[in-house]
Amino acid sequence: MIQHSQLSPESLRSKIHRREIRFGGNKKLKIYGLLSCRSGKRMRKENRIFFINEKEALQNNYRPCGHCMREAYKKWRNYRFL
């Protein structure tokens, strides 16, 4: 888990390009999603964090975004309410 505020713009672009960062998340809401998600792009920089993969996000108790990861969100929701 990497906080956005810890990265320079150049470092962030480099990590995304090298696929060291594949998902973004909101640390206050505990939601993760695709870097291209409209909802994620609107969040404040101080709330934004990045993950290498989905497994890392799930291990840190983040849930999938209901907008950009609809299928993963449905599975998470159904599993949670069993």
PDB file of N, CA and C in Angstrom:
ATOM      1  N   MET A   1       0.855  -1.166   0.000  1.00  0.00           N
ATOM      2  CA  MET A   1       0.000   0.000   0.000  1.00  0.00           C
ATOM      3  C   MET A   1       0.905   1.235   0.000  1.00  0.00           C
ATOM      4  N   ILE A   2       0.677   2.125  -0.958  1.00  0.00           N
ATOM      5  CA  ILE A   2       1.482   3.336  -1.102  1.00  0.00           C
ATOM      6  C   ILE A   2       0.554   4.540  -1.081  1.00  0.00           C
ATOM      7  N   GLN A   3       0.856   5.518  -0.250  1.00  0.00           N
ATOM      8  CA  GLN A   3       0.047   6.728  -0.209  1.00  0.00           C
ATOM      9  C   GLN A   3       0.444   7.654  -1.352  1.00  0.00           C
ATOM     10  N   HIS A   4      -0.544   8.301  -1.947  1.00  0.00           N
ATOM     11  CA  HIS A   4      -0.310   9.211  -3.062  1.00  0.00           C
ATOM     12  C   HIS A   4       0.632  10.337  -2.651  1.00  0.00           C
ATOM     13  N   SER A   5       0.479  10.844  -1.439  1.00  0.00           N
ATOM     14  CA  SER A   5       1.287  11.969  -0.977  1.00  0.00           C
ATOM     15  C   SER A   5       2.768  11.610  -0.849  1.00  0.00           C
ATOM     16  N   GLN A   6       3.105  10.327  -0.841  1.00  0.00           N
ATOM     17  CA  GLN A   6       4.502   9.898  -0.735  1.00  0.00           C
ATOM     18  C   GLN A   6       5.197   9.831  -2.096  1.00  0.00           C
ATOM     19  N   LEU A   7       4.462  10.033  -3.183  1.00  0.00           N
ATOM     20  CA  LEU A   7       5.015   9.898  -4.524  1.00  0.00           C
ATOM     21  C   LEU A   7       5.064  11.232  -5.255  1.00  0.00           C
ATOM     22  N   SER A   8       6.129  11.433  -5.991  1.00  0.00           N
ATOM     23  CA  SER A   8       6.180  12.591  -6.892  1.00  0.00           C
ATOM     24  C   SER A   8       5.387  12.227  -8.146  1.00  0.00           C
ATOM     25  N   PRO A   9       4.941  13.218  -8.906  1.00  0.00           N
ATOM     26  CA  PRO A   9       4.206  12.900 -10.144  1.00  0.00           C
ATOM     27  C   PRO A   9       5.007  12.002 -11.094  1.00  0.00           C
ATOM     28  N   GLU A  10       6.313  12.237 -11.191  1.00  0.00           N
ATOM     29  CA  GLU A  10       7.165  11.430 -12.077  1.00  0.00           C
ATOM     30  C   GLU A  10       7.249   9.992 -11.580  1.00  0.00           C
ATOM     31  N   SER A  11       7.417   9.832 -10.275  1.00  0.00           N
ATOM     32  CA  SER A  11       7.505   8.499  -9.685  1.00  0.00           C
ATOM     33  C   SER A  11       6.187   7.738  -9.872  1.00  0.00           C
ATOM     34  N   LEU A  12       5.080   8.413  -9.681  1.00  0.00           N
ATOM     35  CA  LEU A  12       3.766   7.794  -9.863  1.00  0.00           C
ATOM     36  C   LEU A  12       3.588   7.308 -11.298  1.00  0.00           C
ATOM     37  N   ARG A  13       3.880   8.168 -12.262  1.00  0.00           N
ATOM     38  CA  ARG A  13       3.764   7.769 -13.671  1.00  0.00           C
ATOM     39  C   ARG A  13       4.656   6.569 -13.982  1.00  0.00           C
ATOM     40  N   SER A  14       5.871   6.586 -13.448  1.00  0.00           N
ATOM     41  CA  SER A  14       6.814   5.504 -13.689  1.00  0.00           C
ATOM     42  C   SER A  14       6.297   4.183 -13.111  1.00  0.00           C
ATOM     43  N   LYS A  15       5.778   4.210 -11.899  1.00  0.00           N
ATOM     44  CA  LYS A  15       5.265   2.997 -11.263  1.00  0.00           C
ATOM     45  C   LYS A  15       4.034   2.453 -11.996  1.00  0.00           C
ATOM     46  N   ILE A  16       3.191   3.340 -12.485  1.00  0.00           N
ATOM     47  CA  ILE A  16       2.022   2.900 -13.254  1.00  0.00           C
ATOM     48  C   ILE A  16       2.480   2.281 -14.571  1.00  0.00           C
ATOM     49  N   HIS A  17       3.415   2.932 -15.237  1.00  0.00           N
ATOM     50  CA  HIS A  17       3.921   2.442 -16.520  1.00  0.00           C
ATOM     51  C   HIS A  17       4.579   1.059 -16.366  1.00  0.00           C
ATOM     52  N   ARG A  18       5.312   0.859 -15.267  1.00  0.00           N
ATOM     53  CA  ARG A  18       5.985  -0.430 -15.026  1.00  0.00           C
ATOM     54  C   ARG A  18       5.052  -1.439 -14.369  1.00  0.00           C
ATOM     55  N   ARG A  19       3.778  -1.072 -14.175  1.00  0.00           N
ATOM     56  CA  ARG A  19       2.747  -1.924 -13.570  1.00  0.00           C
ATOM     57  C   ARG A  19       3.061  -2.297 -12.124  1.00  0.00           C
ATOM     58  N   GLU A  20       3.779  -1.425 -11.419  1.00  0.00           N
ATOM     59  CA  GLU A  20       4.016  -1.617  -9.996  1.00  0.00           C
ATOM     60  C   GLU A  20       2.808  -1.134  -9.200  1.00  0.00           C
ATOM     61  N   ILE A  21       1.980  -0.321  -9.833  1.00  0.00           N
ATOM     62  CA  ILE A  21       0.725   0.155  -9.261  1.00  0.00           C
ATOM     63  C   ILE A  21      -0.366  -0.192 -10.265  1.00  0.00           C
ATOM     64  N   ARG A  22      -1.390  -0.925  -9.820  1.00  0.00           N
ATOM     65  CA  ARG A  22      -2.455  -1.325 -10.739  1.00  0.00           C
ATOM     66  C   ARG A  22      -3.836  -0.903 -10.266  1.00  0.00           C
ATOM     67  N   PHE A  23      -3.975  -0.595  -8.965  1.00  0.00           N
ATOM     68  CA  PHE A  23      -5.271  -0.204  -8.409  1.00  0.00           C
ATOM     69  C   PHE A  23      -5.091   0.989  -7.478  1.00  0.00           C
ATOM     70  N   GLY A  24      -6.135   1.789  -7.386  1.00  0.00           N
ATOM     71  CA  GLY A  24      -6.153   2.917  -6.466  1.00  0.00           C
ATOM     72  C   GLY A  24      -7.241   2.714  -5.440  1.00  0.00           C
ATOM     73  N   GLY A  25      -7.109   3.401  -4.316  1.00  0.00           N
ATOM     74  CA  GLY A  25      -8.109   3.249  -3.275  1.00  0.00           C
ATOM     75  C   GLY A  25      -8.299   4.515  -2.467  1.00  0.00           C
ATOM     76  N   ASN A  26      -9.393   4.528  -1.727  1.00  0.00           N
ATOM     77  CA  ASN A  26      -9.707   5.634  -0.832  1.00  0.00           C
ATOM     78  C   ASN A  26      -9.526   5.119   0.595  1.00  0.00           C
ATOM     79  N   LYS A  27      -8.527   5.671   1.296  1.00  0.00           N
ATOM     80  CA  LYS A  27      -8.213   5.121   2.620  1.00  0.00           C
ATOM     81  C   LYS A  27      -9.266   5.440   3.663  1.00  0.00           C
ATOM     82  N   LYS A  28     -10.061   6.475   3.481  1.00  0.00           N
ATOM     83  CA  LYS A  28     -11.125   6.779   4.449  1.00  0.00           C
ATOM     84  C   LYS A  28     -12.334   5.866   4.248  1.00  0.00           C
ATOM     85  N   LEU A  29     -12.694   5.611   2.992  1.00  0.00           N
ATOM     86  CA  LEU A  29     -13.870   4.793   2.693  1.00  0.00           C
ATOM     87  C   LEU A  29     -13.545   3.300   2.581  1.00  0.00           C
ATOM     88  N   LYS A  30     -12.250   2.969   2.493  1.00  0.00           N
ATOM     89  CA  LYS A  30     -11.793   1.577   2.372  1.00  0.00           C
ATOM     90  C   LYS A  30     -12.352   0.916   1.100  1.00  0.00           C
ATOM     91  N   ILE A  31     -12.245   1.650  -0.024  1.00  0.00           N
ATOM     92  CA  ILE A  31     -12.701   1.161  -1.328  1.00  0.00           C
ATOM     93  C   ILE A  31     -11.508   1.186  -2.278  1.00  0.00           C
ATOM     94  N   TYR A  32     -11.392   0.167  -3.137  1.00  0.00           N
ATOM     95  CA  TYR A  32     -10.353   0.177  -4.165  1.00  0.00           C
ATOM     96  C   TYR A  32     -10.986  -0.027  -5.526  1.00  0.00           C
ATOM     97  N   GLY A  33     -10.291   0.436  -6.565  1.00  0.00           N
ATOM     98  CA  GLY A  33     -10.805   0.280  -7.914  1.00  0.00           C
ATOM     99  C   GLY A  33      -9.726   0.503  -8.961  1.00  0.00           C
ATOM    100  N   LEU A  34     -10.162   0.533 -10.201  1.00  0.00           N
ATOM    101  CA  LEU A  34      -9.256   0.737 -11.326  1.00  0.00           C
ATOM    102  C   LEU A  34      -8.730   2.163 -11.336  1.00  0.00           C
ATOM    103  N   LEU A  35      -7.539   2.344 -11.858  1.00  0.00           N
ATOM    104  CA  LEU A  35      -6.954   3.683 -11.928  1.00  0.00           C
ATOM    105  C   LEU A  35      -7.742   4.590 -12.865  1.00  0.00           C
ATOM    106  N   SER A  36      -8.489   4.019 -13.777  1.00  0.00           N
ATOM    107  CA  SER A  36      -9.267   4.799 -14.743  1.00  0.00           C
ATOM    108  C   SER A  36     -10.664   5.169 -14.232  1.00  0.00           C
ATOM    109  N   CYS A  37     -11.018   4.767 -13.034  1.00  0.00           N
ATOM    110  CA  CYS A  37     -12.364   4.989 -12.500  1.00  0.00           C
ATOM    111  C   CYS A  37     -12.652   6.470 -12.292  1.00  0.00           C
ATOM    112  N   ARG A  38     -13.814   6.904 -12.761  1.00  0.00           N
ATOM    113  CA  ARG A  38     -14.236   8.301 -12.600  1.00  0.00           C
ATOM    114  C   ARG A  38     -14.346   8.690 -11.134  1.00  0.00           C
ATOM    115  N   SER A  39     -14.877   7.800 -10.330  1.00  0.00           N
ATOM    116  CA  SER A  39     -15.034   8.083  -8.900  1.00  0.00           C
ATOM    117  C   SER A  39     -13.676   8.250  -8.228  1.00  0.00           C
ATOM    118  N   GLY A  40     -12.753   7.398  -8.575  1.00  0.00           N
ATOM    119  CA  GLY A  40     -11.417   7.460  -7.980  1.00  0.00           C
ATOM    120  C   GLY A  40     -10.651   8.707  -8.359  1.00  0.00           C
ATOM    121  N   LYS A  41     -10.853   9.181  -9.559  1.00  0.00           N
ATOM    122  CA  LYS A  41     -10.145  10.381 -10.013  1.00  0.00           C
ATOM    123  C   LYS A  41     -10.618  11.638  -9.285  1.00  0.00           C
ATOM    124  N   ARG A  42     -11.814  11.597  -8.697  1.00  0.00           N
ATOM    125  CA  ARG A  42     -12.358  12.771  -8.011  1.00  0.00           C
ATOM    126  C   ARG A  42     -11.943  12.855  -6.553  1.00  0.00           C
ATOM    127  N   MET A  43     -11.368  11.804  -5.998  1.00  0.00           N
ATOM    128  CA  MET A  43     -11.058  11.821  -4.567  1.00  0.00           C
ATOM    129  C   MET A  43      -9.863  12.725  -4.267  1.00  0.00           C
ATOM    130  N   ARG A  44      -9.793  13.163  -3.051  1.00  0.00           N
ATOM    131  CA  ARG A  44      -8.694  14.020  -2.616  1.00  0.00           C
ATOM    132  C   ARG A  44      -7.382  13.240  -2.600  1.00  0.00           C
ATOM    133  N   LYS A  45      -6.323  13.935  -2.947  1.00  0.00           N
ATOM    134  CA  LYS A  45      -5.006  13.319  -2.998  1.00  0.00           C
ATOM    135  C   LYS A  45      -4.612  12.720  -1.648  1.00  0.00           C
ATOM    136  N   GLU A  46      -4.953  13.394  -0.555  1.00  0.00           N
ATOM    137  CA  GLU A  46      -4.559  12.898   0.769  1.00  0.00           C
ATOM    138  C   GLU A  46      -5.314  11.629   1.174  1.00  0.00           C
ATOM    139  N   ASN A  47      -6.416  11.318   0.498  1.00  0.00           N
ATOM    140  CA  ASN A  47      -7.177  10.089   0.775  1.00  0.00           C
ATOM    141  C   ASN A  47      -6.807   8.951  -0.166  1.00  0.00           C
ATOM    142  N   ARG A  48      -6.040   9.236  -1.211  1.00  0.00           N
ATOM    143  CA  ARG A  48      -5.746   8.245  -2.252  1.00  0.00           C
ATOM    144  C   ARG A  48      -4.535   7.396  -1.890  1.00  0.00           C
ATOM    145  N   ILE A  49      -4.688   6.088  -2.082  1.00  0.00           N
ATOM    146  CA  ILE A  49      -3.591   5.145  -1.909  1.00  0.00           C
ATOM    147  C   ILE A  49      -3.562   4.218  -3.118  1.00  0.00           C
ATOM    148  N   PHE A  50      -2.466   3.505  -3.267  1.00  0.00           N
ATOM    149  CA  PHE A  50      -2.304   2.624  -4.422  1.00  0.00           C
ATOM    150  C   PHE A  50      -1.930   1.218  -3.974  1.00  0.00           C
ATOM    151  N   PHE A  51      -2.353   0.250  -4.783  1.00  0.00           N
ATOM    152  CA  PHE A  51      -2.084  -1.160  -4.515  1.00  0.00           C
ATOM    153  C   PHE A  51      -1.435  -1.798  -5.736  1.00  0.00           C
ATOM    154  N   ILE A  52      -0.621  -2.798  -5.479  1.00  0.00           N
ATOM    155  CA  ILE A  52       0.028  -3.555  -6.549  1.00  0.00           C
ATOM    156  C   ILE A  52      -0.992  -4.445  -7.254  1.00  0.00           C
ATOM    157  N   ASN A  53      -1.890  -5.045  -6.473  1.00  0.00           N
ATOM    158  CA  ASN A  53      -2.880  -5.958  -7.041  1.00  0.00           C
ATOM    159  C   ASN A  53      -4.117  -6.006  -6.144  1.00  0.00           C
ATOM    160  N   GLU A  54      -5.125  -6.718  -6.597  1.00  0.00           N
ATOM    161  CA  GLU A  54      -6.373  -6.839  -5.832  1.00  0.00           C
ATOM    162  C   GLU A  54      -6.156  -7.567  -4.510  1.00  0.00           C
ATOM    163  N   LYS A  55      -5.308  -8.561  -4.524  1.00  0.00           N
ATOM    164  CA  LYS A  55      -5.040  -9.336  -3.314  1.00  0.00           C
ATOM    165  C   LYS A  55      -4.551  -8.427  -2.186  1.00  0.00           C
ATOM    166  N   GLU A  56      -3.657  -7.512  -2.515  1.00  0.00           N
ATOM    167  CA  GLU A  56      -3.142  -6.579  -1.508  1.00  0.00           C
ATOM    168  C   GLU A  56      -4.263  -5.710  -0.942  1.00  0.00           C
ATOM    169  N   ALA A  57      -5.146  -5.231  -1.811  1.00  0.00           N
ATOM    170  CA  ALA A  57      -6.271  -4.393  -1.365  1.00  0.00           C
ATOM    171  C   ALA A  57      -7.196  -5.190  -0.447  1.00  0.00           C
ATOM    172  N   LEU A  58      -7.525  -6.402  -0.834  1.00  0.00           N
ATOM    173  CA  LEU A  58      -8.417  -7.238  -0.026  1.00  0.00           C
ATOM    174  C   LEU A  58      -7.781  -7.609   1.316  1.00  0.00           C
ATOM    175  N   GLN A  59      -6.481  -7.852   1.323  1.00  0.00           N
ATOM    176  CA  GLN A  59      -5.789  -8.179   2.572  1.00  0.00           C
ATOM    177  C   GLN A  59      -5.819  -7.006   3.550  1.00  0.00           C
ATOM    178  N   ASN A  60      -5.924  -5.790   3.017  1.00  0.00           N
ATOM    179  CA  ASN A  60      -5.987  -4.598   3.857  1.00  0.00           C
ATOM    180  C   ASN A  60      -7.432  -4.179   4.144  1.00  0.00           C
ATOM    181  N   ASN A  61      -8.364  -5.108   3.897  1.00  0.00           N
ATOM    182  CA  ASN A  61      -9.795  -4.904   4.194  1.00  0.00           C
ATOM    183  C   ASN A  61     -10.458  -3.792   3.384  1.00  0.00           C
ATOM    184  N   TYR A  62     -10.069  -3.663   2.126  1.00  0.00           N
ATOM    185  CA  TYR A  62     -10.729  -2.737   1.210  1.00  0.00           C
ATOM    186  C   TYR A  62     -11.732  -3.520   0.392  1.00  0.00           C
ATOM    187  N   ARG A  63     -12.808  -2.869  -0.014  1.00  0.00           N
ATOM    188  CA  ARG A  63     -13.816  -3.534  -0.836  1.00  0.00           C
ATOM    189  C   ARG A  63     -13.732  -2.999  -2.264  1.00  0.00           C
ATOM    190  N   PRO A  64     -14.187  -3.789  -3.241  1.00  0.00           N
ATOM    191  CA  PRO A  64     -14.173  -3.343  -4.636  1.00  0.00           C
ATOM    192  C   PRO A  64     -15.133  -2.170  -4.871  1.00  0.00           C
ATOM    193  N   CYS A  65     -14.796  -1.324  -5.793  1.00  0.00           N
ATOM    194  CA  CYS A  65     -15.637  -0.192  -6.185  1.00  0.00           C
ATOM    195  C   CYS A  65     -16.880  -0.702  -6.916  1.00  0.00           C
ATOM    196  N   GLY A  66     -18.016  -0.154  -6.580  1.00  0.00           N
ATOM    197  CA  GLY A  66     -19.267  -0.556  -7.221  1.00  0.00           C
ATOM    198  C   GLY A  66     -19.433   0.013  -8.617  1.00  0.00           C
ATOM    199  N   HIS A  67     -18.615   0.989  -9.005  1.00  0.00           N
ATOM    200  CA  HIS A  67     -18.729   1.586 -10.339  1.00  0.00           C
ATOM    201  C   HIS A  67     -17.840   0.875 -11.360  1.00  0.00           C
ATOM    202  N   CYS A  68     -16.545   0.828 -11.085  1.00  0.00           N
ATOM    203  CA  CYS A  68     -15.614   0.304 -12.088  1.00  0.00           C
ATOM    204  C   CYS A  68     -15.350  -1.192 -11.953  1.00  0.00           C
ATOM    205  N   MET A  69     -15.736  -1.793 -10.838  1.00  0.00           N
ATOM    206  CA  MET A  69     -15.499  -3.220 -10.609  1.00  0.00           C
ATOM    207  C   MET A  69     -16.797  -3.886 -10.186  1.00  0.00           C
ATOM    208  N   ARG A  70     -17.814  -3.681 -10.987  1.00  0.00           N
ATOM    209  CA  ARG A  70     -19.178  -4.103 -10.652  1.00  0.00           C
ATOM    210  C   ARG A  70     -19.281  -5.594 -10.288  1.00  0.00           C
ATOM    211  N   GLU A  71     -18.672  -6.465 -11.074  1.00  0.00           N
ATOM    212  CA  GLU A  71     -18.767  -7.908 -10.812  1.00  0.00           C
ATOM    213  C   GLU A  71     -18.062  -8.291  -9.508  1.00  0.00           C
ATOM    214  N   ALA A  72     -16.875  -7.747  -9.292  1.00  0.00           N
ATOM    215  CA  ALA A  72     -16.143  -8.033  -8.051  1.00  0.00           C
ATOM    216  C   ALA A  72     -16.913  -7.495  -6.852  1.00  0.00           C
ATOM    217  N   TYR A  73     -17.545  -6.342  -7.022  1.00  0.00           N
ATOM    218  CA  TYR A  73     -18.342  -5.756  -5.940  1.00  0.00           C
ATOM    219  C   TYR A  73     -19.533  -6.657  -5.602  1.00  0.00           C
ATOM    220  N   LYS A  74     -20.218  -7.170  -6.637  1.00  0.00           N
ATOM    221  CA  LYS A  74     -21.368  -8.053  -6.396  1.00  0.00           C
ATOM    222  C   LYS A  74     -20.941  -9.310  -5.645  1.00  0.00           C
ATOM    223  N   LYS A  75     -19.810  -9.892  -6.034  1.00  0.00           N
ATOM    224  CA  LYS A  75     -19.313 -11.079  -5.342  1.00  0.00           C
ATOM    225  C   LYS A  75     -18.979 -10.750  -3.890  1.00  0.00           C
ATOM    226  N   TRP A  76     -18.315  -9.615  -3.671  1.00  0.00           N
ATOM    227  CA  TRP A  76     -17.964  -9.194  -2.315  1.00  0.00           C
ATOM    228  C   TRP A  76     -19.220  -8.999  -1.473  1.00  0.00           C
ATOM    229  N   ARG A  77     -20.210  -8.322  -2.038  1.00  0.00           N
ATOM    230  CA  ARG A  77     -21.459  -8.035  -1.313  1.00  0.00           C
ATOM    231  C   ARG A  77     -22.199  -9.323  -0.980  1.00  0.00           C
ATOM    232  N   ASN A  78     -22.306 -10.229  -1.945  1.00  0.00           N
ATOM    233  CA  ASN A  78     -23.016 -11.498  -1.715  1.00  0.00           C
ATOM    234  C   ASN A  78     -22.280 -12.348  -0.666  1.00  0.00           C
ATOM    235  N   TYR A  79     -20.970 -12.368  -0.714  1.00  0.00           N
ATOM    236  CA  TYR A  79     -20.183 -13.147   0.250  1.00  0.00           C
ATOM    237  C   TYR A  79     -20.341 -12.544   1.649  1.00  0.00           C
ATOM    238  N   ARG A  80     -20.358 -11.231   1.722  1.00  0.00           N
ATOM    239  CA  ARG A  80     -20.424 -10.535   3.016  1.00  0.00           C
ATOM    240  C   ARG A  80     -21.754 -10.791   3.730  1.00  0.00           C
ATOM    241  N   PHE A  81     -22.839 -10.908   2.971  1.00  0.00           N
ATOM    242  CA  PHE A  81     -24.169 -11.042   3.582  1.00  0.00           C
ATOM    243  C   PHE A  81     -24.666 -12.480   3.632  1.00  0.00           C
ATOM    244  N   LEU A  82     -23.782 -13.440   3.537  1.00  0.00           N
ATOM    245  CA  LEU A  82     -24.186 -14.857   3.663  1.00  0.00           C
ATOM    246  C   LEU A  82     -24.475 -15.224   5.089  1.00  0.00           C
TER     247      LEU A  82
END
